[in-house]
Amino acid sequence: MQAIAIDGWGTADRLALRELPDPPVGPDTVLVRVRAAGVNPVDAKIREGHLAGAIPAHFPLVPGWDAAGVVVAAGPAVTGFAVGDEVIGYVRRDHLQYGSYAELVPAPQRCLAIRPSQASWVEAAGLPLAGLTAYQALRRAGTGAGDTVLVHGASGGVGHLAVQVARALGATRVIGTAGPANHDFVRSLGAEPVAHGDGLADRLRTLAPDGVDVALDLFGGAALDVSAVLLSRPARLVSVADPEHVTRLGGSYLFVEPSTADLGLLAALVDAGRLTVHIERVLPLAQAADAHRLVEAGHVRGKVVLAVWSAAGTAADRPA
């Protein structure tokens, strides 16, 4: 198979398209022919070796945890999926080696769900990790009817989905931090935009004099401190970026988990027209290094996705 792989930690320049052996299929694993693969900030952190002490790694290492594709083989213990199923997956295995920047990815069935029929392959590939992060964080905070929710980074990959998911969970009001150039986009998602940076606390107090009920932090640092002073219950502060800081403030840290049920819920929201994945850029698999540079530079509105061509030469954004 063709795949993007690295032989050691380093910059985006290490990412190279190469021919690798097809991956194995375990007893509870399916083999997915990847049509598109989402690119996330964590992919760059993995490439640089930041998770090397937490998750065992083996080289050559194929990055990528987000995939949309078609099941082409299934292990003997697989019960939930069959050959021919169109699926999405947050394919985070226990070891770093077989990622989704490839024509084929082995995916434990716990990582998969049937793909939303109303999303293109590219949109479907942008949903799993960011969508699960948004939903699981908001659920951890107990988001529900009548809540005012603060989302930091509301125009980014996780943030733009979190705004929509908060609405779907019943939040009455969502306030989202974003740069001025993204304020119209944030409004289109159903949130009230507010500029981040110096003076944020004062701007938020003007918008929400009574404070907020839930705060989702995607950056850590000062955003956490601002959130804490606006919340009546610190336990409803959730961060995906700064575990020590958020814990000191009385909130909690979330590291997103694979979940068929949660992915299925997100897919249902997409099919119901209540959740849209915004795609900033689609690049061919061979340009994975450029995709990493885009994500690392920040300021991406929504998601960056890699289009992976099948052996039959079908474009990744067309149905199978």
C-alpha atoms as a PDB file:
ATOM      1  CA  MET A   1       0.000   0.000   0.000  1.00  0.00           C
ATOM      2  CA  GLN A   2       0.984   3.646  -0.338  1.00  0.00           C
ATOM      3  CA  ALA A   3       1.270   5.591   2.904  1.00  0.00           C
ATOM      4  CA  ILE A   4       2.860   8.617   4.499  1.00  0.00           C
ATOM      5  CA  ALA A   5       5.441   7.471   7.017  1.00  0.00           C
ATOM      6  CA  ILE A   6       8.279   8.675   9.217  1.00  0.00           C
ATOM      7  CA  ASP A   7      11.365   6.808  10.413  1.00  0.00           C
ATOM      8  CA  GLY A   8      12.073   9.103  13.354  1.00  0.00           C
ATOM      9  CA  TRP A   9      10.806  12.163  15.195  1.00  0.00           C
ATOM     10  CA  GLY A  10      11.177  15.581  13.641  1.00  0.00           C
ATOM     11  CA  THR A  11       9.721  18.300  11.460  1.00  0.00           C
ATOM     12  CA  ALA A  12       7.104  17.985   8.730  1.00  0.00           C
ATOM     13  CA  ASP A  13       9.943  17.402   6.268  1.00  0.00           C
ATOM     14  CA  ARG A  14      10.192  13.846   7.599  1.00  0.00           C
ATOM     15  CA  LEU A  15       6.760  12.968   6.190  1.00  0.00           C
ATOM     16  CA  ALA A  16       7.249  10.984   2.975  1.00  0.00           C
ATOM     17  CA  LEU A  17       5.001   9.024   0.639  1.00  0.00           C
ATOM     18  CA  ARG A  18       6.270   5.475   0.333  1.00  0.00           C
ATOM     19  CA  GLU A  19       5.290   1.901  -0.386  1.00  0.00           C
ATOM     20  CA  LEU A  20       4.704  -0.188   2.744  1.00  0.00           C
ATOM     21  CA  PRO A  21       3.418  -3.726   3.360  1.00  0.00           C
ATOM     22  CA  ASP A  22      -0.329  -4.003   3.885  1.00  0.00           C
ATOM     23  CA  PRO A  23      -1.111  -3.897   7.628  1.00  0.00           C
ATOM     24  CA  PRO A  24      -2.289  -6.989   9.539  1.00  0.00           C
ATOM     25  CA  VAL A  25      -5.914  -7.581  10.499  1.00  0.00           C
ATOM     26  CA  GLY A  26      -6.410  -8.626  14.140  1.00  0.00           C
ATOM     27  CA  PRO A  27      -9.270 -10.741  15.498  1.00  0.00           C
ATOM     28  CA  ASP A  28     -11.395  -7.719  16.519  1.00  0.00           C
ATOM     29  CA  THR A  29     -10.125  -5.426  13.767  1.00  0.00           C
ATOM     30  CA  VAL A  30     -11.355  -4.437  10.325  1.00  0.00           C
ATOM     31  CA  LEU A  31      -9.235  -3.291   7.436  1.00  0.00           C
ATOM     32  CA  VAL A  32     -10.468   0.006   5.992  1.00  0.00           C
ATOM     33  CA  ARG A  33      -9.604   1.274   2.526  1.00  0.00           C
ATOM     34  CA  VAL A  34      -9.172   4.949   3.344  1.00  0.00           C
ATOM     35  CA  ARG A  35     -10.880   7.502   1.150  1.00  0.00           C
ATOM     36  CA  ALA A  36      -9.915  10.555   3.227  1.00  0.00           C
ATOM     37  CA  ALA A  37      -7.952  11.224   6.414  1.00  0.00           C
ATOM     38  CA  GLY A  38      -8.424  14.141   8.790  1.00  0.00           C
ATOM     39  CA  VAL A  39      -5.383  16.109   9.956  1.00  0.00           C
ATOM     40  CA  ASN A  40      -5.273  17.183  13.603  1.00  0.00           C
ATOM     41  CA  PRO A  41      -2.793  19.118  15.773  1.00  0.00           C
ATOM     42  CA  VAL A  42      -2.041  15.934  17.700  1.00  0.00           C
ATOM     43  CA  ASP A  43      -0.653  14.417  14.483  1.00  0.00           C
ATOM     44  CA  ALA A  44       2.115  16.998  14.496  1.00  0.00           C
ATOM     45  CA  LYS A  45       2.781  16.394  18.187  1.00  0.00           C
ATOM     46  CA  ILE A  46       3.144  12.676  17.464  1.00  0.00           C
ATOM     47  CA  ARG A  47       5.482  13.401  14.551  1.00  0.00           C
ATOM     48  CA  GLU A  48       7.684  15.478  16.861  1.00  0.00           C
ATOM     49  CA  GLY A  49       7.776  12.712  19.494  1.00  0.00           C
ATOM     50  CA  HIS A  50       5.758  14.442  22.224  1.00  0.00           C
ATOM     51  CA  LEU A  51       3.706  11.299  22.897  1.00  0.00           C
ATOM     52  CA  ALA A  52       6.661   8.913  22.758  1.00  0.00           C
ATOM     53  CA  GLY A  53       6.735   8.527  26.533  1.00  0.00           C
ATOM     54  CA  ALA A  54       3.006   7.854  26.746  1.00  0.00           C
ATOM     55  CA  ILE A  55       2.235   5.549  23.798  1.00  0.00           C
ATOM     56  CA  PRO A  56       4.667   2.912  22.446  1.00  0.00           C
ATOM     57  CA  ALA A  57       5.805   3.706  18.908  1.00  0.00           C
ATOM     58  CA  HIS A  58       7.205   1.582  16.081  1.00  0.00           C
ATOM     59  CA  PHE A  59       8.871   2.722  12.862  1.00  0.00           C
ATOM     60  CA  PRO A  60       8.141   3.178  10.070  1.00  0.00           C
ATOM     61  CA  LEU A  61       5.240   5.064  11.657  1.00  0.00           C
ATOM     62  CA  VAL A  62       2.166   6.128   9.682  1.00  0.00           C
ATOM     63  CA  PRO A  63       0.500   9.157  11.355  1.00  0.00           C
ATOM     64  CA  GLY A  64      -3.196   9.918  11.492  1.00  0.00           C
ATOM     65  CA  TRP A  65      -6.096   9.017  13.770  1.00  0.00           C
ATOM     66  CA  ASP A  66      -9.048  10.178  11.606  1.00  0.00           C
ATOM     67  CA  ALA A  67     -10.343   8.133   8.689  1.00  0.00           C
ATOM     68  CA  ALA A  68     -13.318   7.700   6.396  1.00  0.00           C
ATOM     69  CA  GLY A  69     -13.415   4.714   4.102  1.00  0.00           C
ATOM     70  CA  VAL A  70     -14.781   1.298   3.194  1.00  0.00           C
ATOM     71  CA  VAL A  71     -14.327  -1.983   5.094  1.00  0.00           C
ATOM     72  CA  VAL A  72     -12.443  -4.474   2.897  1.00  0.00           C
ATOM     73  CA  ALA A  73     -11.704  -7.210   5.464  1.00  0.00           C
ATOM     74  CA  ALA A  74     -12.854  -8.128   8.965  1.00  0.00           C
ATOM     75  CA  GLY A  75     -11.322 -10.252  11.712  1.00  0.00           C
ATOM     76  CA  PRO A  76     -13.188 -13.328  13.011  1.00  0.00           C
ATOM     77  CA  ALA A  77     -14.353 -11.613  16.235  1.00  0.00           C
ATOM     78  CA  VAL A  78     -15.824  -8.564  14.500  1.00  0.00           C
ATOM     79  CA  THR A  79     -19.604  -8.365  14.928  1.00  0.00           C
ATOM     80  CA  GLY A  80     -20.526  -4.756  14.252  1.00  0.00           C
ATOM     81  CA  PHE A  81     -19.153  -4.242  10.742  1.00  0.00           C
ATOM     82  CA  ALA A  82     -18.948  -6.142   7.479  1.00  0.00           C
ATOM     83  CA  VAL A  83     -17.056  -5.928   4.207  1.00  0.00           C
ATOM     84  CA  GLY A  84     -18.515  -3.104   2.129  1.00  0.00           C
ATOM     85  CA  ASP A  85     -19.601  -0.931   5.069  1.00  0.00           C
ATOM     86  CA  GLU A  86     -18.787   2.757   4.710  1.00  0.00           C
ATOM     87  CA  VAL A  87     -17.304   3.893   8.008  1.00  0.00           C
ATOM     88  CA  ILE A  88     -15.700   6.733   9.913  1.00  0.00           C
ATOM     89  CA  GLY A  89     -13.156   6.184  12.633  1.00  0.00           C
ATOM     90  CA  TYR A  90     -11.086   7.731  15.361  1.00  0.00           C
ATOM     91  CA  VAL A  91      -8.459   5.035  14.931  1.00  0.00           C
ATOM     92  CA  ARG A  92      -6.385   5.464  18.071  1.00  0.00           C
ATOM     93  CA  ARG A  93      -4.734   2.138  18.756  1.00  0.00           C
ATOM     94  CA  ASP A  94      -2.634   1.194  21.790  1.00  0.00           C
ATOM     95  CA  HIS A  95       0.573   1.597  19.757  1.00  0.00           C
ATOM     96  CA  LEU A  96       1.676   4.208  17.228  1.00  0.00           C
ATOM     97  CA  GLN A  97       2.389   2.554  13.893  1.00  0.00           C
ATOM     98  CA  TYR A  98      -0.622   1.987  11.638  1.00  0.00           C
ATOM     99  CA  GLY A  99      -2.241   5.391  11.131  1.00  0.00           C
ATOM    100  CA  SER A 100      -4.780   6.700   8.654  1.00  0.00           C
ATOM    101  CA  TYR A 101      -2.454   8.556   6.250  1.00  0.00           C
ATOM    102  CA  ALA A 102      -2.509   5.438   4.103  1.00  0.00           C
ATOM    103  CA  GLU A 103      -4.518   3.502   1.559  1.00  0.00           C
ATOM    104  CA  LEU A 104      -5.296   0.912   4.238  1.00  0.00           C
ATOM    105  CA  VAL A 105      -5.699   1.247   8.006  1.00  0.00           C
ATOM    106  CA  PRO A 106      -6.428  -1.551  10.517  1.00  0.00           C
ATOM    107  CA  ALA A 107      -9.128  -0.288  12.870  1.00  0.00           C
ATOM    108  CA  PRO A 108     -10.400  -1.949  16.053  1.00  0.00           C
ATOM    109  CA  GLN A 109     -14.181  -2.062  15.811  1.00  0.00           C
ATOM    110  CA  ARG A 110     -14.495   0.060  18.974  1.00  0.00           C
ATOM    111  CA  CYS A 111     -13.034   2.972  16.959  1.00  0.00           C
ATOM    112  CA  LEU A 112     -15.603   2.956  14.144  1.00  0.00           C
ATOM    113  CA  ALA A 113     -19.153   3.925  13.229  1.00  0.00           C
ATOM    114  CA  ILE A 114     -21.149   3.945  10.009  1.00  0.00           C
ATOM    115  CA  ARG A 115     -20.383   7.159   8.153  1.00  0.00           C
ATOM    116  CA  PRO A 116     -23.054   9.863   7.885  1.00  0.00           C
ATOM    117  CA  SER A 117     -24.810   9.545   4.553  1.00  0.00           C
ATOM    118  CA  GLN A 118     -25.241  13.311   4.193  1.00  0.00           C
ATOM    119  CA  ALA A 119     -21.503  14.056   4.406  1.00  0.00           C
ATOM    120  CA  SER A 120     -18.916  13.753   1.660  1.00  0.00           C
ATOM    121  CA  TRP A 121     -15.944  11.516   2.287  1.00  0.00           C
ATOM    122  CA  VAL A 122     -13.845  14.570   3.060  1.00  0.00           C
ATOM    123  CA  GLU A 123     -16.369  15.986   5.527  1.00  0.00           C
ATOM    124  CA  ALA A 124     -16.775  12.576   7.157  1.00  0.00           C
ATOM    125  CA  ALA A 125     -13.011  12.291   7.634  1.00  0.00           C
ATOM    126  CA  GLY A 126     -12.936  15.635   9.441  1.00  0.00           C
ATOM    127  CA  LEU A 127     -15.521  14.589  12.002  1.00  0.00           C
ATOM    128  CA  PRO A 128     -14.182  11.829  14.313  1.00  0.00           C
ATOM    129  CA  LEU A 129     -11.443  13.224  16.583  1.00  0.00           C
ATOM    130  CA  ALA A 130     -12.654  16.831  16.667  1.00  0.00           C
ATOM    131  CA  GLY A 131     -16.303  15.848  16.985  1.00  0.00           C
ATOM    132  CA  LEU A 132     -15.653  13.320  19.731  1.00  0.00           C
ATOM    133  CA  THR A 133     -13.505  15.842  21.612  1.00  0.00           C
ATOM    134  CA  ALA A 134     -16.266  18.448  21.463  1.00  0.00           C
ATOM    135  CA  TYR A 135     -19.050  16.050  22.444  1.00  0.00           C
ATOM    136  CA  GLN A 136     -17.181  14.235  25.210  1.00  0.00           C
ATOM    137  CA  ALA A 137     -15.957  17.503  26.747  1.00  0.00           C
ATOM    138  CA  LEU A 138     -19.419  19.073  26.706  1.00  0.00           C
ATOM    139  CA  ARG A 139     -20.927  15.897  28.132  1.00  0.00           C
ATOM    140  CA  ARG A 140     -18.281  15.855  30.885  1.00  0.00           C
ATOM    141  CA  ALA A 141     -19.389  19.390  31.783  1.00  0.00           C
ATOM    142  CA  GLY A 142     -23.017  18.308  31.918  1.00  0.00           C
ATOM    143  CA  THR A 143     -24.101  20.628  29.113  1.00  0.00           C
ATOM    144  CA  GLY A 144     -27.864  20.780  28.772  1.00  0.00           C
ATOM    145  CA  ALA A 145     -31.009  22.819  28.364  1.00  0.00           C
ATOM    146  CA  GLY A 146     -30.744  26.458  29.364  1.00  0.00           C
ATOM    147  CA  ASP A 147     -26.949  26.583  29.656  1.00  0.00           C
ATOM    148  CA  THR A 148     -24.737  29.409  28.489  1.00  0.00           C
ATOM    149  CA  VAL A 149     -21.613  27.817  27.049  1.00  0.00           C
ATOM    150  CA  LEU A 150     -18.235  29.456  26.417  1.00  0.00           C
ATOM    151  CA  VAL A 151     -16.083  27.858  23.702  1.00  0.00           C
ATOM    152  CA  HIS A 152     -12.507  29.058  23.324  1.00  0.00           C
ATOM    153  CA  GLY A 153     -11.290  28.856  19.723  1.00  0.00           C
ATOM    154  CA  ALA A 154     -14.780  28.596  18.262  1.00  0.00           C
ATOM    155  CA  SER A 155     -13.650  28.747  14.620  1.00  0.00           C
ATOM    156  CA  GLY A 156     -11.138  25.888  14.802  1.00  0.00           C
ATOM    157  CA  GLY A 157     -11.471  22.177  14.227  1.00  0.00           C
ATOM    158  CA  VAL A 158     -12.854  21.235  17.648  1.00  0.00           C
ATOM    159  CA  GLY A 159     -14.343  24.643  18.413  1.00  0.00           C
ATOM    160  CA  HIS A 160     -16.615  24.983  15.378  1.00  0.00           C
ATOM    161  CA  LEU A 161     -18.081  21.554  16.105  1.00  0.00           C
ATOM    162  CA  ALA A 162     -18.394  22.288  19.831  1.00  0.00           C
ATOM    163  CA  VAL A 163     -20.566  25.338  19.119  1.00  0.00           C
ATOM    164  CA  GLN A 164     -22.980  23.198  17.121  1.00  0.00           C
ATOM    165  CA  VAL A 165     -22.935  20.258  19.524  1.00  0.00           C
ATOM    166  CA  ALA A 166     -23.642  22.568  22.473  1.00  0.00           C
ATOM    167  CA  ARG A 167     -26.716  23.822  20.635  1.00  0.00           C
ATOM    168  CA  ALA A 168     -27.781  20.248  19.908  1.00  0.00           C
ATOM    169  CA  LEU A 169     -27.439  19.409  23.619  1.00  0.00           C
ATOM    170  CA  GLY A 170     -29.862  22.205  24.459  1.00  0.00           C
ATOM    171  CA  ALA A 171     -27.636  25.157  25.304  1.00  0.00           C
ATOM    172  CA  THR A 172     -29.600  28.380  25.094  1.00  0.00           C
ATOM    173  CA  ARG A 173     -26.584  30.508  24.346  1.00  0.00           C
ATOM    174  CA  VAL A 174     -23.056  29.872  23.056  1.00  0.00           C
ATOM    175  CA  ILE A 175     -20.276  32.443  23.204  1.00  0.00           C
ATOM    176  CA  GLY A 176     -17.185  31.719  21.125  1.00  0.00           C
ATOM    177  CA  THR A 177     -13.764  33.344  21.149  1.00  0.00           C
ATOM    178  CA  ALA A 178     -12.201  33.917  17.737  1.00  0.00           C
ATOM    179  CA  GLY A 179     -10.162  36.398  15.772  1.00  0.00           C
ATOM    180  CA  PRO A 180     -12.144  39.237  14.136  1.00  0.00           C
ATOM    181  CA  ALA A 181     -11.761  37.675  10.676  1.00  0.00           C
ATOM    182  CA  ASN A 182     -13.704  34.638  11.896  1.00  0.00           C
ATOM    183  CA  HIS A 183     -16.549  36.422  13.698  1.00  0.00           C
ATOM    184  CA  ASP A 184     -19.030  36.069  10.843  1.00  0.00           C
ATOM    185  CA  PHE A 185     -18.185  32.380  10.587  1.00  0.00           C
ATOM    186  CA  VAL A 186     -18.753  31.904  14.324  1.00  0.00           C
ATOM    187  CA  ARG A 187     -22.112  33.700  14.045  1.00  0.00           C
ATOM    188  CA  SER A 188     -23.093  31.368  11.203  1.00  0.00           C
ATOM    189  CA  LEU A 189     -22.552  28.427  13.569  1.00  0.00           C
ATOM    190  CA  GLY A 190     -24.982  29.854  16.110  1.00  0.00           C
ATOM    191  CA  ALA A 191     -22.580  31.506  18.559  1.00  0.00           C
ATOM    192  CA  GLU A 192     -21.890  35.055  19.670  1.00  0.00           C
ATOM    193  CA  PRO A 193     -18.275  35.885  18.768  1.00  0.00           C
ATOM    194  CA  VAL A 194     -15.889  37.703  21.058  1.00  0.00           C
ATOM    195  CA  ALA A 195     -12.271  38.623  20.325  1.00  0.00           C
ATOM    196  CA  HIS A 196      -9.682  36.662  22.269  1.00  0.00           C
ATOM    197  CA  GLY A 197      -6.539  38.219  23.731  1.00  0.00           C
ATOM    198  CA  ASP A 198      -5.970  41.019  26.219  1.00  0.00           C
ATOM    199  CA  GLY A 199      -9.164  42.299  27.832  1.00  0.00           C
ATOM    200  CA  LEU A 200     -11.095  39.084  27.165  1.00  0.00           C
ATOM    201  CA  ALA A 201     -12.454  38.866  30.706  1.00  0.00           C
ATOM    202  CA  ASP A 202     -13.973  42.354  30.475  1.00  0.00           C
ATOM    203  CA  ARG A 203     -15.504  41.661  27.068  1.00  0.00           C
ATOM    204  CA  LEU A 204     -17.032  38.442  28.357  1.00  0.00           C
ATOM    205  CA  ARG A 205     -18.462  40.152  31.447  1.00  0.00           C
ATOM    206  CA  THR A 206     -20.107  42.692  29.155  1.00  0.00           C
ATOM    207  CA  LEU A 207     -21.647  39.914  27.062  1.00  0.00           C
ATOM    208  CA  ALA A 208     -22.574  37.702  30.007  1.00  0.00           C
ATOM    209  CA  PRO A 209     -22.897  39.775  33.238  1.00  0.00           C
ATOM    210  CA  ASP A 210     -24.213  36.719  35.091  1.00  0.00           C
ATOM    211  CA  GLY A 211     -21.338  34.535  33.953  1.00  0.00           C
ATOM    212  CA  VAL A 212     -21.445  31.269  32.019  1.00  0.00           C
ATOM    213  CA  ASP A 213     -22.514  27.761  32.966  1.00  0.00           C
ATOM    214  CA  VAL A 214     -19.987  25.725  30.941  1.00  0.00           C
ATOM    215  CA  ALA A 215     -16.548  26.539  29.535  1.00  0.00           C
ATOM    216  CA  LEU A 216     -14.562  24.468  27.035  1.00  0.00           C
ATOM    217  CA  ASP A 217     -10.846  25.298  26.818  1.00  0.00           C
ATOM    218  CA  LEU A 218      -8.750  24.239  23.826  1.00  0.00           C
ATOM    219  CA  PHE A 219      -5.579  26.224  24.549  1.00  0.00           C
ATOM    220  CA  GLY A 220      -4.742  26.298  28.256  1.00  0.00           C
ATOM    221  CA  GLY A 221      -3.024  29.194  29.991  1.00  0.00           C
ATOM    222  CA  ALA A 222      -4.863  32.504  30.358  1.00  0.00           C
ATOM    223  CA  ALA A 223      -8.055  31.182  28.734  1.00  0.00           C
ATOM    224  CA  LEU A 224      -8.466  28.838  31.701  1.00  0.00           C
ATOM    225  CA  ASP A 225      -8.092  31.619  34.251  1.00  0.00           C
ATOM    226  CA  VAL A 226     -10.646  33.784  32.447  1.00  0.00           C
ATOM    227  CA  SER A 227     -13.078  30.862  32.271  1.00  0.00           C
ATOM    228  CA  ALA A 228     -12.729  30.047  35.957  1.00  0.00           C
ATOM    229  CA  VAL A 229     -13.781  33.502  37.124  1.00  0.00           C
ATOM    230  CA  LEU A 230     -16.912  33.424  34.954  1.00  0.00           C
ATOM    231  CA  LEU A 231     -18.150  30.016  36.134  1.00  0.00           C
ATOM    232  CA  SER A 232     -20.333  29.524  39.186  1.00  0.00           C
ATOM    233  CA  ARG A 233     -19.261  25.858  39.334  1.00  0.00           C
ATOM    234  CA  PRO A 234     -15.568  25.194  38.535  1.00  0.00           C
ATOM    235  CA  ALA A 235     -16.337  21.524  37.858  1.00  0.00           C
ATOM    236  CA  ARG A 236     -18.019  22.594  34.605  1.00  0.00           C
ATOM    237  CA  LEU A 237     -14.697  23.799  33.206  1.00  0.00           C
ATOM    238  CA  VAL A 238     -13.135  21.232  30.852  1.00  0.00           C
ATOM    239  CA  SER A 239      -9.763  21.552  29.122  1.00  0.00           C
ATOM    240  CA  VAL A 240      -8.255  19.373  26.414  1.00  0.00           C
ATOM    241  CA  ALA A 241      -4.937  21.244  26.557  1.00  0.00           C
ATOM    242  CA  ASP A 242      -3.687  21.864  30.114  1.00  0.00           C
ATOM    243  CA  PRO A 243      -4.314  19.040  32.629  1.00  0.00           C
ATOM    244  CA  GLU A 244      -2.414  20.467  35.610  1.00  0.00           C
ATOM    245  CA  HIS A 245      -3.791  23.991  35.329  1.00  0.00           C
ATOM    246  CA  VAL A 246      -7.427  22.991  34.880  1.00  0.00           C
ATOM    247  CA  THR A 247      -7.226  20.561  37.792  1.00  0.00           C
ATOM    248  CA  ARG A 248      -5.876  23.291  40.067  1.00  0.00           C
ATOM    249  CA  LEU A 249      -8.862  25.435  39.114  1.00  0.00           C
ATOM    250  CA  GLY A 250     -11.312  22.691  40.037  1.00  0.00           C
ATOM    251  CA  GLY A 251     -12.135  21.601  36.493  1.00  0.00           C
ATOM    252  CA  SER A 252     -11.168  18.477  34.586  1.00  0.00           C
ATOM    253  CA  TYR A 253      -8.914  17.401  31.724  1.00  0.00           C
ATOM    254  CA  LEU A 254     -10.234  15.362  28.801  1.00  0.00           C
ATOM    255  CA  PHE A 255      -8.263  13.055  26.518  1.00  0.00           C
ATOM    256  CA  VAL A 256     -10.705  11.953  23.852  1.00  0.00           C
ATOM    257  CA  GLU A 257     -11.665   8.250  23.742  1.00  0.00           C
ATOM    258  CA  PRO A 258     -12.731   6.089  20.783  1.00  0.00           C
ATOM    259  CA  SER A 259     -16.442   5.264  20.988  1.00  0.00           C
ATOM    260  CA  THR A 260     -18.734   3.698  18.425  1.00  0.00           C
ATOM    261  CA  ALA A 261     -21.787   5.030  20.268  1.00  0.00           C
ATOM    262  CA  ASP A 262     -20.499   8.608  20.437  1.00  0.00           C
ATOM    263  CA  LEU A 263     -19.422   8.570  16.785  1.00  0.00           C
ATOM    264  CA  GLY A 264     -22.831   7.237  15.842  1.00  0.00           C
ATOM    265  CA  LEU A 265     -24.508  10.102  17.701  1.00  0.00           C
ATOM    266  CA  LEU A 266     -22.363  12.649  15.845  1.00  0.00           C
ATOM    267  CA  ALA A 267     -23.116  10.995  12.512  1.00  0.00           C
ATOM    268  CA  ALA A 268     -26.831  11.174  13.322  1.00  0.00           C
ATOM    269  CA  LEU A 269     -26.520  14.907  14.021  1.00  0.00           C
ATOM    270  CA  VAL A 270     -24.846  15.370  10.632  1.00  0.00           C
ATOM    271  CA  ASP A 271     -27.577  13.421   8.863  1.00  0.00           C
ATOM    272  CA  ALA A 272     -30.246  15.449  10.683  1.00  0.00           C
ATOM    273  CA  GLY A 273     -28.676  18.684   9.442  1.00  0.00           C
ATOM    274  CA  ARG A 274     -27.705  19.805  12.942  1.00  0.00           C
ATOM    275  CA  LEU A 275     -23.927  19.428  12.575  1.00  0.00           C
ATOM    276  CA  THR A 276     -21.743  20.515   9.660  1.00  0.00           C
ATOM    277  CA  VAL A 277     -18.016  19.885   9.268  1.00  0.00           C
ATOM    278  CA  HIS A 278     -16.360  22.916   7.701  1.00  0.00           C
ATOM    279  CA  ILE A 279     -13.391  22.018   5.494  1.00  0.00           C
ATOM    280  CA  GLU A 280     -10.699  24.679   5.118  1.00  0.00           C
ATOM    281  CA  ARG A 281      -8.393  22.759   2.755  1.00  0.00           C
ATOM    282  CA  VAL A 282      -8.239  19.397   1.019  1.00  0.00           C
ATOM    283  CA  LEU A 283      -4.782  18.249  -0.020  1.00  0.00           C
ATOM    284  CA  PRO A 284      -3.648  15.040  -1.723  1.00  0.00           C
ATOM    285  CA  LEU A 285      -2.018  12.402   0.455  1.00  0.00           C
ATOM    286  CA  ALA A 286       1.402  13.179  -0.999  1.00  0.00           C
ATOM    287  CA  GLN A 287       1.154  16.720   0.433  1.00  0.00           C
ATOM    288  CA  ALA A 288       0.791  15.612   4.056  1.00  0.00           C
ATOM    289  CA  ALA A 289       3.778  17.755   5.033  1.00  0.00           C
ATOM    290  CA  ASP A 290       2.012  20.862   3.717  1.00  0.00           C
ATOM    291  CA  ALA A 291      -1.120  19.863   5.645  1.00  0.00           C
ATOM    292  CA  HIS A 292       0.925  19.626   8.856  1.00  0.00           C
ATOM    293  CA  ARG A 293       2.450  23.038   8.269  1.00  0.00           C
ATOM    294  CA  LEU A 294      -1.006  24.545   7.799  1.00  0.00           C
ATOM    295  CA  VAL A 295      -2.283  23.046  11.041  1.00  0.00           C
ATOM    296  CA  GLU A 296       0.864  23.969  12.977  1.00  0.00           C
ATOM    297  CA  ALA A 297       0.623  27.574  11.807  1.00  0.00           C
ATOM    298  CA  GLY A 298      -2.794  27.866  13.447  1.00  0.00           C
ATOM    299  CA  HIS A 299      -5.716  30.005  12.282  1.00  0.00           C
ATOM    300  CA  VAL A 300      -7.305  27.116  10.354  1.00  0.00           C
ATOM    301  CA  ARG A 301     -11.046  27.616  10.054  1.00  0.00           C
ATOM    302  CA  GLY A 302     -12.535  24.168  10.584  1.00  0.00           C
ATOM    303  CA  LYS A 303     -10.572  21.192   9.280  1.00  0.00           C
ATOM    304  CA  VAL A 304      -7.736  20.220   6.940  1.00  0.00           C
ATOM    305  CA  VAL A 305      -8.206  16.840   5.248  1.00  0.00           C
ATOM    306  CA  LEU A 306      -6.046  14.586   3.085  1.00  0.00           C
ATOM    307  CA  ALA A 307      -7.698  13.007   0.024  1.00  0.00           C
ATOM    308  CA  VAL A 308      -6.524   9.408  -0.324  1.00  0.00           C
ATOM    309  CA  TRP A 309      -6.928   7.767  -3.732  1.00  0.00           C
ATOM    310  CA  SER A 310      -8.140   4.193  -3.842  1.00  0.00           C
ATOM    311  CA  ALA A 311      -6.495   1.506  -5.926  1.00  0.00           C
ATOM    312  CA  ALA A 312      -9.290   1.980  -8.468  1.00  0.00           C
ATOM    313  CA  GLY A 313      -8.415   5.653  -8.828  1.00  0.00           C
ATOM    314  CA  THR A 314     -11.685   7.017  -7.404  1.00  0.00           C
ATOM    315  CA  ALA A 315     -11.398  10.505  -5.916  1.00  0.00           C
ATOM    316  CA  ALA A 316     -11.732  10.606  -2.143  1.00  0.00           C
ATOM    317  CA  ASP A 317     -14.603  13.060  -2.122  1.00  0.00           C
ATOM    318  CA  ARG A 318     -16.899  10.927  -4.286  1.00  0.00           C
ATOM    319  CA  PRO A 319     -19.100   8.133  -2.897  1.00  0.00           C
ATOM    320  CA  ALA A 320     -17.885   4.566  -3.365  1.00  0.00           C
END
